[in-house]
Amino acid sequence: MVEYLKEENASLGSKLPARITLTAREKNRLIQLGTTLGSALKNLISTVSYRTFTRWVAGSECDKTKSPPKRKPGRPRTAEDIRELVVKIARENGWDIRECSAS
């Protein structure tokens, strides 16, 4: 039965475009079903290469352990007390602080 289904898939696959894209839901379903087969999947897989499938599995495991970023990218904002201290020093030294306090 497996050999018949593989041949049928190959026949149908030859009529499709060279590159087939799968949705995230389809990939996750294939990962779920394929990981239970273990290395026996090497003899069954036909949609993608076995190496591609193992990369999908590694990527899906990595996504589960990845935590969201802790802060926004870029330079952190200057603390308000530091800004006030800079303005105070500028006033004491007679610098023109119109530009400093406007931002």
N, C-alpha and C. Protein backbone atom coordinates (compact mmCIF):
# COMPACT_ATOMS: atom_id res chain seq x y z
N MET A 1 0.83 -1.19 0.00
CA MET A 1 0.00 0.00 0.00
C MET A 1 0.87 1.25 0.00
N VAL A 2 1.93 1.21 0.82
CA VAL A 2 2.81 2.38 0.90
C VAL A 2 3.48 2.63 -0.45
N GLU A 3 3.95 1.57 -1.09
CA GLU A 3 4.60 1.73 -2.40
C GLU A 3 3.63 2.30 -3.42
N TYR A 4 2.40 1.82 -3.40
CA TYR A 4 1.39 2.33 -4.33
C TYR A 4 1.16 3.82 -4.09
N LEU A 5 0.99 4.23 -2.81
CA LEU A 5 0.73 5.63 -2.50
C LEU A 5 1.92 6.52 -2.86
N LYS A 6 3.14 5.99 -2.67
CA LYS A 6 4.32 6.76 -3.06
C LYS A 6 4.34 6.98 -4.58
N GLU A 7 4.03 5.93 -5.33
CA GLU A 7 4.03 6.05 -6.79
C GLU A 7 2.92 6.98 -7.25
N GLU A 8 1.77 6.90 -6.62
CA GLU A 8 0.67 7.79 -6.95
C GLU A 8 1.05 9.25 -6.67
N ASN A 9 1.67 9.48 -5.52
CA ASN A 9 2.13 10.84 -5.17
C ASN A 9 3.15 11.34 -6.18
N ALA A 10 4.07 10.46 -6.60
CA ALA A 10 5.08 10.86 -7.58
C ALA A 10 4.42 11.21 -8.91
N SER A 11 3.44 10.44 -9.33
CA SER A 11 2.74 10.71 -10.58
C SER A 11 2.01 12.04 -10.52
N LEU A 12 1.31 12.27 -9.43
CA LEU A 12 0.58 13.54 -9.27
C LEU A 12 1.56 14.69 -9.10
N GLY A 13 2.64 14.45 -8.39
CA GLY A 13 3.64 15.50 -8.17
C GLY A 13 4.31 15.95 -9.44
N SER A 14 4.44 15.05 -10.42
CA SER A 14 5.08 15.43 -11.68
C SER A 14 4.22 16.41 -12.48
N LYS A 15 2.95 16.49 -12.18
CA LYS A 15 2.04 17.39 -12.88
C LYS A 15 1.97 18.77 -12.22
N LEU A 16 2.58 18.89 -11.04
CA LEU A 16 2.55 20.15 -10.29
C LEU A 16 3.74 21.02 -10.67
N PRO A 17 3.70 22.31 -10.28
CA PRO A 17 4.86 23.17 -10.52
C PRO A 17 6.09 22.65 -9.77
N ALA A 18 7.26 23.15 -10.15
CA ALA A 18 8.51 22.67 -9.57
C ALA A 18 8.58 22.92 -8.07
N ARG A 19 8.05 24.03 -7.62
CA ARG A 19 8.13 24.38 -6.20
C ARG A 19 6.73 24.43 -5.59
N ILE A 20 6.56 23.67 -4.52
CA ILE A 20 5.28 23.65 -3.81
C ILE A 20 5.51 24.32 -2.46
N THR A 21 4.68 25.29 -2.13
CA THR A 21 4.81 25.96 -0.84
C THR A 21 3.71 25.45 0.08
N LEU A 22 4.09 25.23 1.33
CA LEU A 22 3.14 24.75 2.33
C LEU A 22 2.87 25.86 3.33
N THR A 23 1.67 25.89 3.85
CA THR A 23 1.34 26.84 4.90
C THR A 23 1.94 26.37 6.22
N ALA A 24 1.98 27.25 7.19
CA ALA A 24 2.51 26.90 8.51
C ALA A 24 1.68 25.77 9.13
N ARG A 25 0.38 25.81 8.92
CA ARG A 25 -0.50 24.76 9.47
C ARG A 25 -0.17 23.40 8.84
N GLU A 26 0.06 23.39 7.53
CA GLU A 26 0.41 22.15 6.85
C GLU A 26 1.76 21.60 7.32
N LYS A 27 2.73 22.51 7.46
CA LYS A 27 4.05 22.09 7.96
C LYS A 27 3.94 21.50 9.35
N ASN A 28 3.20 22.18 10.22
CA ASN A 28 3.05 21.69 11.60
C ASN A 28 2.38 20.32 11.63
N ARG A 29 1.41 20.12 10.76
CA ARG A 29 0.74 18.81 10.71
C ARG A 29 1.70 17.72 10.24
N LEU A 30 2.51 18.02 9.22
CA LEU A 30 3.50 17.06 8.74
C LEU A 30 4.56 16.78 9.82
N ILE A 31 4.97 17.80 10.55
CA ILE A 31 5.93 17.62 11.64
C ILE A 31 5.34 16.71 12.70
N GLN A 32 4.09 16.98 13.06
CA GLN A 32 3.41 16.19 14.09
C GLN A 32 3.33 14.72 13.69
N LEU A 33 2.94 14.46 12.46
CA LEU A 33 2.81 13.07 12.01
C LEU A 33 4.16 12.43 11.71
N GLY A 34 5.09 13.20 11.17
CA GLY A 34 6.38 12.65 10.77
C GLY A 34 7.29 12.31 11.92
N THR A 35 7.25 13.09 12.99
CA THR A 35 8.15 12.83 14.12
C THR A 35 7.81 11.51 14.81
N THR A 36 6.57 11.10 14.74
CA THR A 36 6.22 9.82 15.36
C THR A 36 6.78 8.64 14.58
N LEU A 37 7.08 8.84 13.29
CA LEU A 37 7.63 7.77 12.47
C LEU A 37 9.13 7.58 12.65
N GLY A 38 9.81 8.62 13.12
CA GLY A 38 11.25 8.52 13.32
C GLY A 38 11.99 8.40 12.00
N SER A 39 13.04 7.56 11.98
CA SER A 39 13.87 7.44 10.78
C SER A 39 13.16 6.69 9.66
N ALA A 40 12.07 6.01 9.94
CA ALA A 40 11.31 5.33 8.88
C ALA A 40 10.75 6.34 7.88
N LEU A 41 10.66 7.59 8.30
CA LEU A 41 10.15 8.64 7.42
C LEU A 41 11.04 8.82 6.19
N LYS A 42 12.33 8.50 6.31
CA LYS A 42 13.24 8.65 5.17
C LYS A 42 12.73 7.90 3.95
N ASN A 43 12.11 6.75 4.16
CA ASN A 43 11.61 5.93 3.05
C ASN A 43 10.24 6.37 2.55
N LEU A 44 9.56 7.23 3.31
CA LEU A 44 8.19 7.61 2.96
C LEU A 44 8.08 9.03 2.40
N ILE A 45 8.91 9.91 2.87
CA ILE A 45 8.73 11.33 2.58
C ILE A 45 8.88 11.61 1.09
N SER A 46 7.98 12.43 0.55
CA SER A 46 8.04 12.74 -0.87
C SER A 46 7.79 14.23 -1.16
N THR A 47 7.16 14.93 -0.24
CA THR A 47 6.86 16.34 -0.48
C THR A 47 8.12 17.19 -0.44
N VAL A 48 8.95 16.95 0.55
CA VAL A 48 10.23 17.66 0.71
C VAL A 48 11.30 16.62 1.01
N SER A 49 12.55 17.08 1.03
CA SER A 49 13.63 16.14 1.37
C SER A 49 13.60 15.88 2.87
N TYR A 50 14.20 14.77 3.26
CA TYR A 50 14.26 14.44 4.68
C TYR A 50 15.03 15.50 5.45
N ARG A 51 16.08 16.04 4.83
CA ARG A 51 16.89 17.10 5.48
C ARG A 51 16.03 18.34 5.73
N THR A 52 15.21 18.70 4.78
CA THR A 52 14.31 19.84 4.97
C THR A 52 13.36 19.58 6.12
N PHE A 53 12.84 18.36 6.18
CA PHE A 53 11.93 18.00 7.26
C PHE A 53 12.62 18.13 8.62
N THR A 54 13.87 17.66 8.71
CA THR A 54 14.59 17.76 10.00
C THR A 54 14.84 19.22 10.37
N ARG A 55 15.05 20.09 9.37
CA ARG A 55 15.19 21.52 9.68
C ARG A 55 13.88 22.10 10.20
N TRP A 56 12.77 21.65 9.61
CA TRP A 56 11.46 22.09 10.12
C TRP A 56 11.29 21.70 11.57
N VAL A 57 11.65 20.46 11.89
CA VAL A 57 11.50 19.97 13.27
C VAL A 57 12.38 20.79 14.20
N ALA A 58 13.63 21.02 13.81
CA ALA A 58 14.54 21.80 14.65
C ALA A 58 14.02 23.22 14.83
N GLY A 59 13.48 23.81 13.77
CA GLY A 59 12.93 25.17 13.86
C GLY A 59 11.70 25.24 14.72
N SER A 60 10.86 24.22 14.68
CA SER A 60 9.64 24.24 15.48
C SER A 60 9.98 24.08 16.96
N GLU A 61 10.98 23.29 17.29
CA GLU A 61 11.39 23.14 18.69
C GLU A 61 12.03 24.43 19.19
N CYS A 62 12.76 25.10 18.33
CA CYS A 62 13.42 26.35 18.70
C CYS A 62 12.37 27.43 18.96
N ASP A 63 11.31 27.48 18.14
CA ASP A 63 10.26 28.48 18.31
C ASP A 63 9.56 28.35 19.65
N LYS A 64 9.42 27.11 20.15
CA LYS A 64 8.73 26.90 21.42
C LYS A 64 9.54 27.43 22.59
N THR A 65 10.88 27.38 22.49
CA THR A 65 11.72 27.81 23.60
C THR A 65 12.12 29.26 23.48
N LYS A 66 11.88 29.88 22.32
CA LYS A 66 12.27 31.26 22.12
C LYS A 66 11.37 32.19 22.92
N SER A 67 11.96 33.07 23.69
CA SER A 67 11.17 34.02 24.47
C SER A 67 11.07 35.33 23.69
N PRO A 68 10.03 36.10 23.93
CA PRO A 68 9.89 37.37 23.23
C PRO A 68 10.99 38.34 23.65
N PRO A 69 11.32 39.32 22.80
CA PRO A 69 12.36 40.27 23.17
C PRO A 69 11.98 41.02 24.44
N LYS A 70 12.98 41.25 25.27
CA LYS A 70 12.73 41.88 26.56
C LYS A 70 12.61 43.40 26.47
N ARG A 71 13.20 43.98 25.42
CA ARG A 71 13.10 45.42 25.26
C ARG A 71 13.08 45.77 23.79
N LYS A 72 12.73 47.00 23.51
CA LYS A 72 12.69 47.47 22.13
C LYS A 72 14.12 47.60 21.60
N PRO A 73 14.31 47.42 20.31
CA PRO A 73 15.64 47.61 19.74
C PRO A 73 16.01 49.09 19.73
N GLY A 74 17.28 49.37 19.68
CA GLY A 74 17.74 50.75 19.62
C GLY A 74 18.26 51.24 20.95
N ARG A 75 18.66 52.47 20.96
CA ARG A 75 19.24 53.08 22.15
C ARG A 75 18.15 53.36 23.16
N PRO A 76 18.38 52.99 24.43
CA PRO A 76 17.38 53.27 25.46
C PRO A 76 17.22 54.78 25.70
N ARG A 77 16.05 55.17 26.11
CA ARG A 77 15.80 56.59 26.40
C ARG A 77 16.63 57.04 27.59
N THR A 78 17.00 58.31 27.57
CA THR A 78 17.74 58.90 28.68
C THR A 78 16.78 59.10 29.85
N ALA A 79 17.21 58.70 31.03
CA ALA A 79 16.37 58.84 32.22
C ALA A 79 16.08 60.31 32.48
N GLU A 80 14.88 60.58 32.99
CA GLU A 80 14.44 61.96 33.22
C GLU A 80 15.34 62.69 34.21
N ASP A 81 15.80 62.00 35.27
CA ASP A 81 16.66 62.67 36.25
C ASP A 81 18.00 63.07 35.63
N ILE A 82 18.50 62.29 34.69
CA ILE A 82 19.75 62.65 34.01
C ILE A 82 19.52 63.85 33.10
N ARG A 83 18.38 63.88 32.41
CA ARG A 83 18.07 65.05 31.57
C ARG A 83 17.99 66.32 32.41
N GLU A 84 17.33 66.22 33.56
CA GLU A 84 17.20 67.39 34.43
C GLU A 84 18.56 67.85 34.93
N LEU A 85 19.46 66.91 35.25
CA LEU A 85 20.80 67.24 35.72
C LEU A 85 21.58 67.95 34.61
N VAL A 86 21.48 67.49 33.39
CA VAL A 86 22.18 68.13 32.27
C VAL A 86 21.67 69.56 32.06
N VAL A 87 20.36 69.74 32.13
CA VAL A 87 19.78 71.09 31.97
C VAL A 87 20.24 71.99 33.11
N LYS A 88 20.30 71.49 34.33
CA LYS A 88 20.74 72.27 35.49
C LYS A 88 22.20 72.70 35.31
N ILE A 89 23.07 71.79 34.91
CA ILE A 89 24.48 72.11 34.70
C ILE A 89 24.62 73.14 33.58
N ALA A 90 23.80 72.99 32.51
CA ALA A 90 23.86 73.93 31.40
C ALA A 90 23.46 75.33 31.86
N ARG A 91 22.43 75.43 32.69
CA ARG A 91 21.99 76.75 33.19
C ARG A 91 23.06 77.37 34.09
N GLU A 92 23.66 76.56 34.96
CA GLU A 92 24.69 77.06 35.87
C GLU A 92 25.92 77.57 35.11
N ASN A 93 26.22 76.99 33.98
CA ASN A 93 27.39 77.39 33.20
C ASN A 93 27.07 78.42 32.13
N GLY A 94 25.80 78.83 32.04
CA GLY A 94 25.41 79.88 31.11
C GLY A 94 25.32 79.42 29.66
N TRP A 95 25.14 78.13 29.44
CA TRP A 95 24.99 77.63 28.07
C TRP A 95 23.58 77.94 27.58
N ASP A 96 23.44 78.03 26.29
CA ASP A 96 22.12 78.26 25.70
C ASP A 96 21.36 76.94 25.75
N ILE A 97 20.34 76.84 26.61
CA ILE A 97 19.66 75.56 26.83
C ILE A 97 18.34 75.45 26.07
N ARG A 98 18.03 76.43 25.22
CA ARG A 98 16.78 76.34 24.47
C ARG A 98 16.73 75.06 23.64
N GLU A 99 17.85 74.69 23.03
CA GLU A 99 17.89 73.48 22.20
C GLU A 99 17.80 72.22 23.07
N CYS A 100 18.41 72.25 24.25
CA CYS A 100 18.42 71.07 25.12
C CYS A 100 17.04 70.77 25.68
N SER A 101 16.33 71.78 26.14
CA SER A 101 15.05 71.56 26.80
C SER A 101 13.92 71.37 25.81
N ALA A 102 14.11 71.70 24.54
CA ALA A 102 13.04 71.57 23.56
C ALA A 102 12.80 70.12 23.19
N SER A 103 13.79 69.26 23.30
CA SER A 103 13.61 67.88 22.88
C SER A 103 13.10 66.99 23.97
